[in-house]
Amino acid sequence: MKRIDVSDEAYAALQRLAAAKNLTPAELIAALVDPSRPALAGDTLLFHLASAEFTKLTDRTERYLNLLAWCARHYATDFADFISHQESGRRYLAWNRDEINEARAHNQARQIDGTQFWAVMTIDEATKRRFVCRLLEFIGCHDETVAEACHALGFTAPVTRRFGLLSA
């Protein structure tokens, strides 16, 4: 048997996700890397959330932008499709700063690193949480991964399930 070292934060994340699936952390890792186990296969976001790149970020805003950048890089088509399907007047991502400025007269927007996309930063935590949940569901993340991402971003409110991906 081989052993691996992970940070305390990464191990805590593994424990939370494993408990949600009634698995041990070792069984969870096996499920994540075994393509014959589709219950968790494909949720590679979990690896990013436990990575040194992500865990070293202590600022919640930087974590949020980092998560968006990861989604944009790894699910470029879905990410662009998600942007184009946002309701008018409720745009939290855009193709460029001009599009953001058209959607909101007084906003703070930041470019998502390594992408052409911009994120509106003047949204409250509850709205940001709903937005992140919808985005992650849209790109195909499982409920446990969505919950872990919300926890990693420091969102405090519980995840509420809705039927419409893009409904308000």
Protein backbone atom coordinates (compact mmCIF):
# COMPACT_ATOMS: atom_id res chain seq x y z
CA MET A 1 0.00 0.00 0.00
CA LYS A 2 1.25 3.48 -0.90
CA ARG A 3 0.74 6.63 1.14
CA ILE A 4 0.24 10.20 -0.02
CA ASP A 5 0.54 13.48 1.87
CA VAL A 6 -2.24 16.04 1.55
CA SER A 7 -2.82 19.31 3.33
CA ASP A 8 -5.18 19.41 6.30
CA GLU A 9 -7.66 21.42 4.23
CA ALA A 10 -7.55 18.92 1.37
CA TYR A 11 -8.04 16.01 3.77
CA ALA A 12 -10.99 17.76 5.44
CA ALA A 13 -12.53 18.27 1.99
CA LEU A 14 -12.02 14.60 1.18
CA GLN A 15 -13.62 13.59 4.48
CA ARG A 16 -16.68 15.80 3.89
CA LEU A 17 -17.21 14.50 0.37
CA ALA A 18 -16.54 10.88 1.40
CA ALA A 19 -19.05 11.15 4.25
CA ALA A 20 -21.68 12.49 1.83
CA LYS A 21 -21.21 9.39 -0.33
CA ASN A 22 -20.81 6.97 2.64
CA LEU A 23 -17.23 6.21 1.59
CA THR A 24 -13.84 6.40 3.24
CA PRO A 25 -11.41 9.03 1.90
CA ALA A 26 -9.43 6.22 0.22
CA GLU A 27 -12.58 4.87 -1.46
CA LEU A 28 -13.45 8.38 -2.59
CA ILE A 29 -10.06 8.87 -4.24
CA ALA A 30 -10.46 5.50 -5.97
CA ALA A 31 -13.90 6.56 -7.21
CA LEU A 32 -12.54 9.84 -8.53
CA VAL A 33 -9.77 8.25 -10.59
CA ASP A 34 -11.63 5.13 -11.75
CA PRO A 35 -13.60 5.85 -14.94
CA SER A 36 -15.66 2.68 -14.42
CA ARG A 37 -17.26 4.32 -11.37
CA PRO A 38 -19.41 7.07 -12.94
CA ALA A 39 -20.87 8.37 -9.68
CA LEU A 40 -17.89 10.69 -9.26
CA ALA A 41 -15.91 10.30 -12.46
CA GLY A 42 -15.58 13.59 -14.31
CA ASP A 43 -15.76 15.82 -11.26
CA THR A 44 -12.16 16.87 -11.69
CA LEU A 45 -13.05 20.16 -10.03
CA LEU A 46 -12.52 18.32 -6.74
CA PHE A 47 -8.85 17.91 -7.60
CA HIS A 48 -8.58 21.63 -8.29
CA LEU A 49 -10.30 22.56 -5.02
CA ALA A 50 -7.74 20.45 -3.15
CA SER A 51 -4.76 21.70 -5.19
CA ALA A 52 -2.00 23.90 -3.80
CA GLU A 53 -2.91 26.53 -6.42
CA PHE A 54 -6.40 26.87 -4.96
CA THR A 55 -5.80 26.24 -1.26
CA LYS A 56 -3.04 28.86 -1.06
CA LEU A 57 -5.61 31.53 -1.98
CA THR A 58 -6.93 33.02 1.25
CA ASP A 59 -9.04 35.83 -0.21
CA ARG A 60 -12.61 34.76 -1.00
CA THR A 61 -12.75 37.00 -4.08
CA GLU A 62 -9.58 35.45 -5.48
CA ARG A 63 -10.97 31.95 -4.83
CA TYR A 64 -14.20 32.89 -6.62
CA LEU A 65 -12.33 34.23 -9.66
CA ASN A 66 -9.99 31.23 -9.63
CA LEU A 67 -12.97 28.85 -9.68
CA LEU A 68 -14.50 30.76 -12.60
CA ALA A 69 -11.17 30.69 -14.44
CA TRP A 70 -10.89 26.93 -13.90
CA CYS A 71 -14.42 26.41 -15.26
CA ALA A 72 -13.72 28.65 -18.26
CA ARG A 73 -10.49 26.78 -19.08
CA HIS A 74 -11.80 23.23 -18.59
CA TYR A 75 -15.35 23.66 -19.89
CA ALA A 76 -14.87 26.48 -22.41
CA THR A 77 -17.86 25.64 -24.61
CA ASP A 78 -20.24 25.08 -21.70
CA PHE A 79 -18.95 28.20 -19.95
CA ALA A 80 -19.57 30.34 -23.04
CA ASP A 81 -22.98 28.71 -23.50
CA PHE A 82 -23.86 29.45 -19.87
CA ILE A 83 -22.97 33.12 -20.38
CA SER A 84 -25.14 33.39 -23.46
CA HIS A 85 -28.12 31.84 -21.64
CA GLN A 86 -28.16 34.24 -18.69
CA GLU A 87 -31.38 36.13 -18.22
CA SER A 88 -31.25 39.70 -19.49
CA GLY A 89 -30.71 42.09 -16.61
CA ARG A 90 -29.15 39.34 -14.46
CA ARG A 91 -25.75 38.95 -15.99
CA TYR A 92 -22.91 37.89 -13.74
CA LEU A 93 -20.48 36.98 -16.54
CA ALA A 94 -19.88 38.62 -19.87
CA TRP A 95 -17.70 38.47 -22.95
CA ASN A 96 -16.17 41.89 -22.32
CA ARG A 97 -16.26 44.96 -20.06
CA ASP A 98 -18.62 46.87 -22.39
CA GLU A 99 -21.20 44.11 -22.09
CA ILE A 100 -20.93 44.23 -18.30
CA ASN A 101 -21.31 48.00 -18.29
CA GLU A 102 -24.43 47.73 -20.43
CA ALA A 103 -25.96 45.25 -17.97
CA ARG A 104 -25.16 47.22 -14.81
CA ALA A 105 -24.69 50.96 -14.61
CA HIS A 106 -22.66 50.94 -11.39
CA ASN A 107 -20.64 47.80 -11.00
CA GLN A 108 -17.20 46.56 -10.28
CA ALA A 109 -16.02 44.03 -12.81
CA ARG A 110 -12.83 41.99 -12.92
CA GLN A 111 -11.42 40.05 -15.80
CA ILE A 112 -11.22 36.33 -15.14
CA ASP A 113 -7.52 35.42 -15.38
CA GLY A 114 -6.46 33.78 -18.61
CA THR A 115 -9.82 34.35 -20.30
CA GLN A 116 -11.68 36.96 -22.29
CA PHE A 117 -14.48 36.90 -19.72
CA TRP A 118 -15.36 39.45 -17.06
CA ALA A 119 -17.18 38.87 -13.75
CA VAL A 120 -19.48 41.33 -12.02
CA MET A 121 -18.22 41.69 -8.47
CA THR A 122 -21.08 43.72 -6.97
CA ILE A 123 -23.42 40.84 -6.20
CA ASP A 124 -24.33 39.70 -2.71
CA GLU A 125 -23.18 36.38 -1.27
CA ALA A 126 -26.54 34.59 -1.64
CA THR A 127 -26.80 35.55 -5.31
CA LYS A 128 -23.18 34.62 -5.93
CA ARG A 129 -23.79 31.23 -4.30
CA ARG A 130 -26.88 30.55 -6.46
CA PHE A 131 -24.93 31.63 -9.53
CA VAL A 132 -21.98 29.33 -8.74
CA CYS A 133 -24.32 26.41 -8.05
CA ARG A 134 -26.10 26.91 -11.38
CA LEU A 135 -22.82 27.24 -13.29
CA LEU A 136 -21.39 24.06 -11.75
CA GLU A 137 -24.61 22.15 -12.38
CA PHE A 138 -24.61 23.44 -15.96
CA ILE A 139 -21.12 22.07 -16.61
CA GLY A 140 -22.13 18.71 -15.12
CA CYS A 141 -20.79 18.68 -11.56
CA HIS A 142 -22.46 16.36 -9.09
CA ASP A 143 -24.29 17.74 -6.03
CA GLU A 144 -21.43 16.77 -3.70
CA THR A 145 -18.93 18.65 -5.85
CA VAL A 146 -21.17 21.72 -5.95
CA ALA A 147 -21.48 21.62 -2.15
CA GLU A 148 -17.72 21.24 -1.73
CA ALA A 149 -17.06 24.16 -4.08
CA CYS A 150 -19.48 26.34 -2.11
CA HIS A 151 -17.73 25.36 1.11
CA ALA A 152 -14.32 26.11 -0.43
CA LEU A 153 -15.58 29.55 -1.48
CA GLY A 154 -16.71 30.25 2.08
CA PHE A 155 -20.42 30.46 1.37
CA THR A 156 -22.32 30.06 4.61
CA ALA A 157 -25.93 29.59 3.51
CA PRO A 158 -27.13 26.04 2.77
CA VAL A 159 -27.42 24.84 -0.81
CA THR A 160 -31.01 24.99 -1.97
CA ARG A 161 -32.07 22.82 -4.85
CA ARG A 162 -34.12 24.38 -7.64
CA PHE A 163 -35.55 22.85 -10.74
CA GLY A 164 -34.43 25.45 -13.28
CA LEU A 165 -30.72 25.87 -13.87
CA LEU A 166 -31.04 29.49 -14.84
CA SER A 167 -34.17 30.56 -12.95
CA ALA A 168 -33.99 33.36 -10.42
